Amino acid sequence: MVNNIERIDPFGDDPASVRVHGARRSRGLSALDEGQAWRHRDNEALVVVRHERFEEIDDTEHRTTWRREAEEALEATWRSRWMEREVEPGWIEARWVGVDERPDRLHVLGAVEPVGVAAAVDWVRVEDHTDPSGGRAVTMYEHLTVWVDRSQATVVVRHPVGLDLAQTTEQAAVHIHQLLGSYVVGG
């Protein structure tokens, strides 16, 4: 929920985002809940959660497309959302946070294939140098996608650069994974 607007298709209209939209559309979106957000005023941190439920249980094409297109799609989406606000976007870079860079339960050192919650989470970090105030602030976004069965949750943690929220981000991903797992009962 960049810009606080619910969207059926959450990304932009750039080529990478269009490919992600196509892959998710093929699964048949059956439910959407977006709008849960929590803010910490002292450090300007914000957490936004988006939950989607699909008719099709097989997420292979969707997740493969996401993994291939995520960086480009997120960079373009962030630029697009700034332009919607009539703000010229600054330098924006999205990059994957590998399983060997993650904290504790999302960290899988030396494993060929991650398992459990580590395998269910895709983590992309967006570094955004756009500052409409002119103060040259840099904002980080921890963009996690948690995949479980027919459900997918996106957790975005916004924070100023230099604020280490890795443990908080990890806890959010683990709790979301557990919550989504509770939906699996009965398919």
N, C-alpha and C. Protein backbone atom coordinates (compact mmCIF):
# COMPACT_ATOMS: atom_id res chain seq x y z
N MET A 1 0.83 -1.16 0.00
CA MET A 1 0.00 0.00 0.00
C MET A 1 0.89 1.24 0.00
N VAL A 2 1.59 1.44 -1.07
CA VAL A 2 2.34 2.66 -1.23
C VAL A 2 1.31 3.73 -1.57
N ASN A 3 1.34 4.86 -0.94
CA ASN A 3 0.40 5.97 -1.12
C ASN A 3 -0.96 5.74 -0.45
N ASN A 4 -1.09 4.70 0.38
CA ASN A 4 -2.30 4.48 1.16
C ASN A 4 -3.56 4.27 0.32
N ILE A 5 -3.41 3.66 -0.84
CA ILE A 5 -4.54 3.37 -1.70
C ILE A 5 -4.58 1.87 -1.95
N GLU A 6 -5.73 1.23 -1.68
CA GLU A 6 -5.84 -0.19 -1.99
C GLU A 6 -5.87 -0.36 -3.50
N ARG A 7 -5.16 -1.39 -3.97
CA ARG A 7 -5.11 -1.68 -5.39
C ARG A 7 -5.24 -3.18 -5.59
N ILE A 8 -6.07 -3.56 -6.55
CA ILE A 8 -6.18 -4.98 -6.89
C ILE A 8 -4.82 -5.47 -7.40
N ASP A 9 -4.23 -4.75 -8.33
CA ASP A 9 -2.89 -5.04 -8.82
C ASP A 9 -1.95 -4.06 -8.15
N PRO A 10 -1.11 -4.52 -7.22
CA PRO A 10 -0.36 -3.61 -6.37
C PRO A 10 0.85 -2.93 -7.00
N PHE A 11 1.26 -3.36 -8.18
CA PHE A 11 2.46 -2.79 -8.77
C PHE A 11 2.11 -1.83 -9.89
N GLY A 12 3.13 -1.33 -10.57
CA GLY A 12 2.93 -0.33 -11.61
C GLY A 12 2.48 -0.91 -12.93
N ASP A 13 2.67 -0.11 -14.00
CA ASP A 13 2.30 -0.56 -15.33
C ASP A 13 3.53 -0.72 -16.23
N ASP A 14 4.70 -0.81 -15.63
CA ASP A 14 5.94 -1.06 -16.35
C ASP A 14 5.96 -2.52 -16.82
N PRO A 15 6.83 -2.89 -17.75
CA PRO A 15 6.83 -4.27 -18.27
C PRO A 15 7.03 -5.35 -17.21
N ALA A 16 7.93 -5.15 -16.24
CA ALA A 16 8.15 -6.16 -15.20
C ALA A 16 6.89 -6.34 -14.36
N SER A 17 6.26 -5.24 -13.96
CA SER A 17 5.04 -5.32 -13.16
C SER A 17 3.91 -5.98 -13.93
N VAL A 18 3.81 -5.69 -15.22
CA VAL A 18 2.76 -6.30 -16.05
C VAL A 18 2.94 -7.82 -16.07
N ARG A 19 4.18 -8.29 -16.15
CA ARG A 19 4.43 -9.74 -16.12
C ARG A 19 4.03 -10.34 -14.77
N VAL A 20 4.32 -9.64 -13.67
CA VAL A 20 3.91 -10.12 -12.34
C VAL A 20 2.39 -10.13 -12.24
N HIS A 21 1.74 -9.06 -12.71
CA HIS A 21 0.27 -9.02 -12.69
C HIS A 21 -0.33 -10.20 -13.44
N GLY A 22 0.24 -10.52 -14.60
CA GLY A 22 -0.27 -11.64 -15.40
C GLY A 22 -0.18 -12.96 -14.66
N ALA A 23 0.96 -13.19 -14.01
CA ALA A 23 1.16 -14.44 -13.27
C ALA A 23 0.22 -14.54 -12.07
N ARG A 24 0.01 -13.43 -11.36
CA ARG A 24 -0.90 -13.49 -10.21
C ARG A 24 -2.34 -13.60 -10.67
N ARG A 25 -2.69 -12.93 -11.78
CA ARG A 25 -4.06 -12.99 -12.29
C ARG A 25 -4.44 -14.42 -12.68
N SER A 26 -3.46 -15.19 -13.19
CA SER A 26 -3.75 -16.56 -13.61
C SER A 26 -4.13 -17.46 -12.43
N ARG A 27 -3.80 -17.05 -11.21
CA ARG A 27 -4.16 -17.84 -10.02
C ARG A 27 -5.57 -17.55 -9.54
N GLY A 28 -6.19 -16.47 -10.01
CA GLY A 28 -7.56 -16.16 -9.61
C GLY A 28 -7.65 -15.58 -8.21
N LEU A 29 -7.46 -14.29 -8.08
CA LEU A 29 -7.58 -13.63 -6.78
C LEU A 29 -9.00 -13.81 -6.25
N SER A 30 -9.13 -14.35 -5.04
CA SER A 30 -10.46 -14.56 -4.46
C SER A 30 -10.72 -13.69 -3.24
N ALA A 31 -9.67 -13.13 -2.64
CA ALA A 31 -9.86 -12.26 -1.48
C ALA A 31 -8.65 -11.34 -1.33
N LEU A 32 -8.91 -10.15 -0.83
CA LEU A 32 -7.86 -9.16 -0.63
C LEU A 32 -8.16 -8.38 0.64
N ASP A 33 -7.16 -8.26 1.49
CA ASP A 33 -7.27 -7.40 2.67
C ASP A 33 -6.01 -6.56 2.70
N GLU A 34 -6.18 -5.28 2.50
CA GLU A 34 -5.05 -4.37 2.53
C GLU A 34 -5.47 -3.18 3.36
N GLY A 35 -4.58 -2.71 4.16
CA GLY A 35 -4.92 -1.55 4.95
C GLY A 35 -4.51 -1.66 6.40
N GLN A 36 -3.96 -2.81 6.79
CA GLN A 36 -3.46 -2.95 8.15
C GLN A 36 -2.09 -2.28 8.21
N ALA A 37 -1.96 -1.26 9.04
CA ALA A 37 -0.69 -0.55 9.13
C ALA A 37 -0.43 -0.17 10.58
N TRP A 38 0.83 -0.20 10.94
CA TRP A 38 1.25 0.19 12.29
C TRP A 38 2.42 1.13 12.15
N ARG A 39 2.41 2.21 12.93
CA ARG A 39 3.46 3.21 12.84
C ARG A 39 4.07 3.44 14.21
N HIS A 40 5.38 3.64 14.22
CA HIS A 40 6.10 4.01 15.43
C HIS A 40 6.59 5.44 15.23
N ARG A 41 5.97 6.38 15.92
CA ARG A 41 6.25 7.80 15.69
C ARG A 41 7.69 8.20 16.01
N ASP A 42 8.28 7.59 17.05
CA ASP A 42 9.62 8.01 17.47
C ASP A 42 10.69 7.78 16.42
N ASN A 43 10.60 6.67 15.69
CA ASN A 43 11.64 6.38 14.71
C ASN A 43 11.13 6.38 13.28
N GLU A 44 9.90 6.81 13.07
CA GLU A 44 9.28 6.93 11.75
C GLU A 44 9.11 5.59 11.04
N ALA A 45 9.15 4.49 11.77
CA ALA A 45 8.95 3.18 11.17
C ALA A 45 7.47 2.95 10.92
N LEU A 46 7.18 2.25 9.84
CA LEU A 46 5.81 1.93 9.46
C LEU A 46 5.79 0.51 8.93
N VAL A 47 4.79 -0.27 9.34
CA VAL A 47 4.61 -1.63 8.82
C VAL A 47 3.23 -1.68 8.17
N VAL A 48 3.18 -2.16 6.93
CA VAL A 48 1.92 -2.31 6.20
C VAL A 48 1.82 -3.77 5.76
N VAL A 49 0.64 -4.36 5.94
CA VAL A 49 0.41 -5.76 5.58
C VAL A 49 -0.71 -5.84 4.55
N ARG A 50 -0.46 -6.63 3.52
CA ARG A 50 -1.45 -6.91 2.48
C ARG A 50 -1.61 -8.43 2.41
N HIS A 51 -2.84 -8.92 2.50
CA HIS A 51 -3.09 -10.36 2.44
C HIS A 51 -3.95 -10.65 1.21
N GLU A 52 -3.49 -11.60 0.41
CA GLU A 52 -4.24 -12.03 -0.76
C GLU A 52 -4.49 -13.53 -0.67
N ARG A 53 -5.63 -13.94 -1.19
CA ARG A 53 -6.00 -15.35 -1.22
C ARG A 53 -6.36 -15.67 -2.67
N PHE A 54 -5.89 -16.82 -3.16
CA PHE A 54 -6.08 -17.19 -4.56
C PHE A 54 -6.89 -18.47 -4.68
N GLU A 55 -7.57 -18.63 -5.81
CA GLU A 55 -8.31 -19.85 -6.10
C GLU A 55 -7.35 -21.00 -6.38
N GLU A 56 -6.30 -20.72 -7.12
CA GLU A 56 -5.32 -21.73 -7.52
C GLU A 56 -4.25 -21.89 -6.44
N ILE A 57 -4.05 -23.11 -5.98
CA ILE A 57 -3.07 -23.37 -4.92
C ILE A 57 -1.63 -23.33 -5.45
N ASP A 58 -1.43 -23.73 -6.71
CA ASP A 58 -0.08 -23.80 -7.28
C ASP A 58 0.45 -22.38 -7.54
N ASP A 59 1.47 -21.99 -6.79
CA ASP A 59 2.04 -20.65 -6.94
C ASP A 59 3.33 -20.65 -7.76
N THR A 60 3.66 -21.76 -8.41
CA THR A 60 4.95 -21.90 -9.08
C THR A 60 5.20 -20.81 -10.10
N GLU A 61 4.30 -20.61 -11.05
CA GLU A 61 4.50 -19.59 -12.08
C GLU A 61 4.53 -18.19 -11.47
N HIS A 62 3.61 -17.95 -10.55
CA HIS A 62 3.52 -16.65 -9.89
C HIS A 62 4.83 -16.32 -9.16
N ARG A 63 5.29 -17.26 -8.36
CA ARG A 63 6.50 -17.01 -7.57
C ARG A 63 7.74 -16.95 -8.45
N THR A 64 7.83 -17.77 -9.47
CA THR A 64 8.97 -17.73 -10.39
C THR A 64 9.03 -16.37 -11.10
N THR A 65 7.87 -15.91 -11.54
CA THR A 65 7.80 -14.59 -12.20
C THR A 65 8.18 -13.50 -11.21
N TRP A 66 7.67 -13.59 -9.99
CA TRP A 66 8.01 -12.59 -8.97
C TRP A 66 9.52 -12.55 -8.74
N ARG A 67 10.12 -13.69 -8.58
CA ARG A 67 11.56 -13.74 -8.30
C ARG A 67 12.38 -13.18 -9.45
N ARG A 68 11.90 -13.36 -10.66
CA ARG A 68 12.62 -12.85 -11.83
C ARG A 68 12.43 -11.34 -12.00
N GLU A 69 11.26 -10.83 -11.65
CA GLU A 69 10.89 -9.44 -11.97
C GLU A 69 10.85 -8.49 -10.78
N ALA A 70 11.00 -8.99 -9.57
CA ALA A 70 10.75 -8.19 -8.36
C ALA A 70 11.55 -6.89 -8.30
N GLU A 71 12.85 -6.97 -8.52
CA GLU A 71 13.67 -5.76 -8.39
C GLU A 71 13.20 -4.66 -9.35
N GLU A 72 13.07 -5.04 -10.60
CA GLU A 72 12.65 -4.05 -11.61
C GLU A 72 11.24 -3.54 -11.33
N ALA A 73 10.32 -4.44 -10.97
CA ALA A 73 8.94 -4.04 -10.70
C ALA A 73 8.84 -3.11 -9.50
N LEU A 74 9.58 -3.41 -8.43
CA LEU A 74 9.51 -2.55 -7.24
C LEU A 74 10.13 -1.18 -7.50
N GLU A 75 11.26 -1.14 -8.18
CA GLU A 75 11.87 0.15 -8.50
C GLU A 75 10.91 1.01 -9.33
N ALA A 76 10.31 0.43 -10.35
CA ALA A 76 9.38 1.17 -11.21
C ALA A 76 8.13 1.58 -10.45
N THR A 77 7.63 0.70 -9.58
CA THR A 77 6.43 1.01 -8.81
C THR A 77 6.68 2.17 -7.86
N TRP A 78 7.82 2.15 -7.17
CA TRP A 78 8.15 3.25 -6.25
C TRP A 78 8.24 4.57 -7.03
N ARG A 79 8.89 4.56 -8.20
CA ARG A 79 8.98 5.78 -9.01
C ARG A 79 7.59 6.26 -9.42
N SER A 80 6.76 5.34 -9.85
CA SER A 80 5.42 5.68 -10.29
C SER A 80 4.60 6.29 -9.16
N ARG A 81 4.69 5.71 -7.96
CA ARG A 81 3.92 6.24 -6.84
C ARG A 81 4.37 7.65 -6.45
N TRP A 82 5.67 7.94 -6.54
CA TRP A 82 6.14 9.29 -6.27
C TRP A 82 5.59 10.26 -7.31
N MET A 83 5.60 9.84 -8.57
CA MET A 83 5.09 10.72 -9.63
C MET A 83 3.60 10.98 -9.47
N GLU A 84 2.86 9.99 -8.94
CA GLU A 84 1.43 10.21 -8.65
C GLU A 84 1.25 11.34 -7.65
N ARG A 85 2.23 11.53 -6.79
CA ARG A 85 2.19 12.60 -5.79
C ARG A 85 2.83 13.89 -6.33
N GLU A 86 3.17 13.87 -7.61
CA GLU A 86 3.82 15.01 -8.27
C GLU A 86 5.16 15.34 -7.62
N VAL A 87 5.89 14.26 -7.26
CA VAL A 87 7.23 14.38 -6.70
C VAL A 87 8.19 13.66 -7.64
N GLU A 88 9.25 14.34 -8.02
CA GLU A 88 10.27 13.73 -8.87
C GLU A 88 11.04 12.71 -8.04
N PRO A 89 11.00 11.42 -8.44
CA PRO A 89 11.69 10.41 -7.64
C PRO A 89 13.20 10.57 -7.71
N GLY A 90 13.85 10.28 -6.60
CA GLY A 90 15.31 10.26 -6.55
C GLY A 90 15.81 8.89 -6.96
N TRP A 91 17.03 8.60 -6.55
CA TRP A 91 17.63 7.30 -6.85
C TRP A 91 16.91 6.25 -6.03
N ILE A 92 16.45 5.17 -6.69
CA ILE A 92 15.74 4.09 -6.02
C ILE A 92 16.35 2.78 -6.50
N GLU A 93 16.70 1.92 -5.55
CA GLU A 93 17.26 0.62 -5.90
C GLU A 93 16.61 -0.46 -5.06
N ALA A 94 16.21 -1.54 -5.74
CA ALA A 94 15.68 -2.71 -5.04
C ALA A 94 16.67 -3.85 -5.24
N ARG A 95 16.93 -4.58 -4.16
CA ARG A 95 17.83 -5.73 -4.28
C ARG A 95 17.37 -6.83 -3.33
N TRP A 96 17.62 -8.06 -3.75
CA TRP A 96 17.25 -9.20 -2.94
C TRP A 96 18.09 -9.28 -1.67
N VAL A 97 17.45 -9.68 -0.59
CA VAL A 97 18.15 -10.01 0.65
C VAL A 97 18.21 -11.53 0.67
N GLY A 98 19.39 -12.06 0.44
CA GLY A 98 19.55 -13.51 0.35
C GLY A 98 19.38 -14.20 1.69
N VAL A 99 19.12 -15.51 1.64
CA VAL A 99 18.88 -16.25 2.87
C VAL A 99 20.10 -16.25 3.78
N ASP A 100 21.29 -16.06 3.23
CA ASP A 100 22.49 -16.02 4.07
C ASP A 100 22.69 -14.66 4.74
N GLU A 101 21.92 -13.64 4.34
CA GLU A 101 22.01 -12.30 4.94
C GLU A 101 20.94 -12.07 6.00
N ARG A 102 20.03 -12.98 6.13
CA ARG A 102 18.86 -12.77 6.99
C ARG A 102 19.13 -13.16 8.43
N PRO A 103 18.33 -12.61 9.36
CA PRO A 103 18.49 -12.98 10.77
C PRO A 103 17.85 -14.32 11.10
N ASP A 104 18.38 -14.95 12.10
CA ASP A 104 17.85 -16.14 12.78
C ASP A 104 16.95 -17.05 11.95
N ARG A 105 15.63 -17.01 12.21
CA ARG A 105 14.72 -17.99 11.61
C ARG A 105 14.55 -17.83 10.11
N LEU A 106 14.97 -16.72 9.54
CA LEU A 106 14.91 -16.54 8.09
C LEU A 106 16.28 -16.78 7.46
N HIS A 107 17.25 -17.14 8.27
CA HIS A 107 18.64 -17.34 7.85
C HIS A 107 18.91 -18.82 7.65
N VAL A 108 19.52 -19.16 6.53
CA VAL A 108 19.82 -20.56 6.26
C VAL A 108 21.26 -20.64 5.77
N LEU A 109 22.19 -20.74 6.67
CA LEU A 109 23.61 -20.77 6.31
C LEU A 109 24.00 -22.15 5.82
N GLY A 110 24.52 -22.22 4.62
CA GLY A 110 25.04 -23.47 4.09
C GLY A 110 23.99 -24.44 3.58
N ALA A 111 22.73 -24.10 3.66
CA ALA A 111 21.69 -25.01 3.18
C ALA A 111 21.56 -24.89 1.66
N VAL A 112 21.39 -26.01 1.01
CA VAL A 112 21.18 -26.00 -0.43
C VAL A 112 19.83 -25.37 -0.74
N GLU A 113 18.83 -25.79 -0.04
CA GLU A 113 17.48 -25.25 -0.19
C GLU A 113 16.94 -24.87 1.18
N PRO A 114 16.45 -23.64 1.36
CA PRO A 114 15.86 -23.28 2.65
C PRO A 114 14.57 -24.07 2.88
N VAL A 115 14.20 -24.22 4.14
CA VAL A 115 12.98 -24.95 4.51
C VAL A 115 12.16 -24.09 5.46
N GLY A 116 10.92 -24.49 5.67
CA GLY A 116 10.05 -23.81 6.62
C GLY A 116 9.81 -22.36 6.26
N VAL A 117 9.81 -21.52 7.28
CA VAL A 117 9.52 -20.10 7.06
C VAL A 117 10.57 -19.45 6.15
N ALA A 118 11.82 -19.86 6.23
CA ALA A 118 12.86 -19.29 5.37
C ALA A 118 12.55 -19.54 3.90
N ALA A 119 12.00 -20.71 3.59
CA ALA A 119 11.65 -21.03 2.20
C ALA A 119 10.39 -20.29 1.75
N ALA A 120 9.56 -19.90 2.68
CA ALA A 120 8.28 -19.27 2.35
C ALA A 120 8.39 -17.76 2.15
N VAL A 121 9.55 -17.18 2.48
CA VAL A 121 9.70 -15.73 2.47
C VAL A 121 10.65 -15.28 1.37
N ASP A 122 10.17 -14.36 0.54
CA ASP A 122 11.03 -13.65 -0.41
C ASP A 122 11.20 -12.24 0.14
N TRP A 123 12.45 -11.78 0.22
CA TRP A 123 12.75 -10.50 0.86
C TRP A 123 13.53 -9.62 -0.11
N VAL A 124 12.95 -8.47 -0.43
CA VAL A 124 13.60 -7.48 -1.28
C VAL A 124 13.71 -6.19 -0.48
N ARG A 125 14.88 -5.58 -0.51
CA ARG A 125 15.09 -4.31 0.20
C ARG A 125 15.12 -3.18 -0.84
N VAL A 126 14.27 -2.17 -0.61
CA VAL A 126 14.21 -1.02 -1.49
C VAL A 126 14.86 0.16 -0.76
N GLU A 127 15.85 0.75 -1.40
CA GLU A 127 16.51 1.95 -0.87
C GLU A 127 16.04 3.13 -1.71
N ASP A 128 15.41 4.09 -1.06
CA ASP A 128 14.77 5.21 -1.75
C ASP A 128 15.38 6.53 -1.29
N HIS A 129 16.01 7.23 -2.23
CA HIS A 129 16.64 8.52 -1.93
C HIS A 129 15.74 9.70 -2.28
N THR A 130 14.45 9.45 -2.42
CA THR A 130 13.50 10.53 -2.70
C THR A 130 13.12 11.18 -1.38
N ASP A 131 13.31 12.47 -1.28
CA ASP A 131 12.94 13.19 -0.06
C ASP A 131 12.26 14.50 -0.45
N PRO A 132 10.92 14.51 -0.45
CA PRO A 132 10.20 15.72 -0.86
C PRO A 132 10.52 16.94 0.00
N SER A 133 11.01 16.73 1.22
CA SER A 133 11.31 17.86 2.10
C SER A 133 12.63 18.54 1.73
N GLY A 134 13.42 17.89 0.88
CA GLY A 134 14.70 18.45 0.50
C GLY A 134 15.80 18.19 1.52
N GLY A 135 15.51 17.41 2.54
CA GLY A 135 16.47 17.15 3.60
C GLY A 135 17.46 16.05 3.30
N ARG A 136 17.36 15.41 2.15
CA ARG A 136 18.26 14.34 1.71
C ARG A 136 18.16 13.08 2.57
N ALA A 137 16.99 12.84 3.14
CA ALA A 137 16.78 11.62 3.93
C ALA A 137 16.70 10.42 2.99
N VAL A 138 17.16 9.29 3.47
CA VAL A 138 17.07 8.04 2.73
C VAL A 138 16.13 7.13 3.50
N THR A 139 15.20 6.53 2.79
CA THR A 139 14.23 5.63 3.41
C THR A 139 14.43 4.23 2.88
N MET A 140 14.39 3.27 3.79
CA MET A 140 14.52 1.86 3.43
C MET A 140 13.15 1.20 3.56
N TYR A 141 12.89 0.26 2.67
CA TYR A 141 11.66 -0.53 2.71
C TYR A 141 12.06 -1.99 2.67
N GLU A 142 11.69 -2.73 3.70
CA GLU A 142 11.89 -4.18 3.71
C GLU A 142 10.61 -4.77 3.14
N HIS A 143 10.68 -5.30 1.94
CA HIS A 143 9.50 -5.80 1.22
C HIS A 143 9.53 -7.33 1.26
N LEU A 144 8.72 -7.91 2.14
CA LEU A 144 8.68 -9.36 2.29
C LEU A 144 7.39 -9.92 1.69
N THR A 145 7.54 -10.99 0.95
CA THR A 145 6.39 -11.71 0.44
C THR A 145 6.41 -13.09 1.09
N VAL A 146 5.32 -13.43 1.78
CA VAL A 146 5.22 -14.70 2.48
C VAL A 146 4.21 -15.55 1.71
N TRP A 147 4.68 -16.72 1.25
CA TRP A 147 3.89 -17.61 0.41
C TRP A 147 3.49 -18.86 1.20
N VAL A 148 2.20 -19.09 1.38
CA VAL A 148 1.71 -20.29 2.05
C VAL A 148 0.41 -20.73 1.38
N ASP A 149 0.47 -21.88 0.71
CA ASP A 149 -0.73 -22.47 0.14
C ASP A 149 -1.39 -21.48 -0.82
N ARG A 150 -2.67 -21.21 -0.65
CA ARG A 150 -3.40 -20.26 -1.49
C ARG A 150 -3.20 -18.81 -1.05
N SER A 151 -2.57 -18.62 0.07
CA SER A 151 -2.40 -17.28 0.63
C SER A 151 -1.03 -16.69 0.32
N GLN A 152 -1.04 -15.40 0.21
CA GLN A 152 0.20 -14.65 0.07
C GLN A 152 0.03 -13.37 0.88
N ALA A 153 1.02 -13.06 1.67
CA ALA A 153 0.99 -11.80 2.41
C ALA A 153 2.23 -11.01 2.04
N THR A 154 2.03 -9.72 1.87
CA THR A 154 3.15 -8.81 1.64
C THR A 154 3.27 -7.94 2.88
N VAL A 155 4.45 -7.92 3.44
CA VAL A 155 4.74 -7.11 4.62
C VAL A 155 5.80 -6.10 4.20
N VAL A 156 5.48 -4.82 4.32
CA VAL A 156 6.44 -3.78 3.97
C VAL A 156 6.76 -3.01 5.25
N VAL A 157 8.04 -3.00 5.59
CA VAL A 157 8.51 -2.28 6.77
C VAL A 157 9.31 -1.08 6.27
N ARG A 158 8.80 0.11 6.50
CA ARG A 158 9.49 1.35 6.11
C ARG A 158 10.25 1.89 7.30
N HIS A 159 11.50 2.30 7.08
CA HIS A 159 12.29 2.87 8.17
C HIS A 159 13.40 3.75 7.60
N PRO A 160 13.88 4.69 8.40
CA PRO A 160 15.00 5.50 7.95
C PRO A 160 16.26 4.65 7.80
N VAL A 161 17.12 5.03 6.87
CA VAL A 161 18.38 4.31 6.70
C VAL A 161 19.16 4.37 8.02
N GLY A 162 19.81 3.28 8.34
CA GLY A 162 20.60 3.22 9.57
C GLY A 162 19.86 2.62 10.75
N LEU A 163 18.55 2.54 10.66
CA LEU A 163 17.77 1.93 11.74
C LEU A 163 17.69 0.43 11.47
N ASP A 164 18.23 -0.38 12.36
CA ASP A 164 18.27 -1.82 12.15
C ASP A 164 16.98 -2.46 12.65
N LEU A 165 16.13 -2.83 11.71
CA LEU A 165 14.88 -3.49 12.06
C LEU A 165 14.85 -4.93 11.56
N ALA A 166 16.01 -5.53 11.38
CA ALA A 166 16.09 -6.90 10.87
C ALA A 166 15.34 -7.87 11.78
N GLN A 167 15.53 -7.78 13.09
CA GLN A 167 14.85 -8.69 14.02
C GLN A 167 13.34 -8.47 14.01
N THR A 168 12.93 -7.21 13.96
CA THR A 168 11.50 -6.90 13.91
C THR A 168 10.89 -7.42 12.62
N THR A 169 11.60 -7.23 11.51
CA THR A 169 11.14 -7.73 10.21
C THR A 169 11.03 -9.24 10.24
N GLU A 170 12.03 -9.90 10.82
CA GLU A 170 12.01 -11.35 10.93
C GLU A 170 10.79 -11.81 11.74
N GLN A 171 10.54 -11.17 12.87
CA GLN A 171 9.41 -11.54 13.72
C GLN A 171 8.08 -11.37 12.97
N ALA A 172 7.96 -10.28 12.23
CA ALA A 172 6.74 -10.05 11.45
C ALA A 172 6.55 -11.17 10.44
N ALA A 173 7.60 -11.54 9.73
CA ALA A 173 7.51 -12.60 8.72
C ALA A 173 7.12 -13.94 9.35
N VAL A 174 7.73 -14.27 10.48
CA VAL A 174 7.43 -15.54 11.16
C VAL A 174 5.97 -15.57 11.61
N HIS A 175 5.50 -14.48 12.20
CA HIS A 175 4.11 -14.45 12.68
C HIS A 175 3.12 -14.50 11.52
N ILE A 176 3.42 -13.79 10.45
CA ILE A 176 2.54 -13.83 9.26
C ILE A 176 2.52 -15.24 8.69
N HIS A 177 3.68 -15.89 8.63
CA HIS A 177 3.76 -17.27 8.12
C HIS A 177 2.89 -18.20 8.97
N GLN A 178 2.96 -18.07 10.29
CA GLN A 178 2.14 -18.89 11.18
C GLN A 178 0.66 -18.61 10.97
N LEU A 179 0.31 -17.34 10.82
CA LEU A 179 -1.08 -16.97 10.62
C LEU A 179 -1.60 -17.54 9.30
N LEU A 180 -0.83 -17.41 8.23
CA LEU A 180 -1.26 -17.95 6.94
C LEU A 180 -1.38 -19.46 7.00
N GLY A 181 -0.49 -20.11 7.73
CA GLY A 181 -0.55 -21.57 7.90
C GLY A 181 -1.84 -22.01 8.55
N SER A 182 -2.41 -21.16 9.39
CA SER A 182 -3.68 -21.53 10.03
C SER A 182 -4.83 -21.52 9.04
N TYR A 183 -4.70 -20.84 7.89
CA TYR A 183 -5.74 -20.83 6.86
C TYR A 183 -5.73 -22.10 6.02
N VAL A 184 -4.63 -22.84 6.06
CA VAL A 184 -4.48 -24.02 5.21
C VAL A 184 -5.49 -25.09 5.57
N VAL A 185 -5.89 -25.16 6.82
CA VAL A 185 -6.84 -26.18 7.27
C VAL A 185 -8.10 -26.08 6.43
N GLY A 186 -8.45 -27.15 5.76
CA GLY A 186 -9.65 -27.19 4.95
C GLY A 186 -9.46 -26.65 3.55
N GLY A 187 -8.22 -26.16 3.22
CA GLY A 187 -7.93 -25.70 1.85
C GLY A 187 -8.56 -24.42 1.58
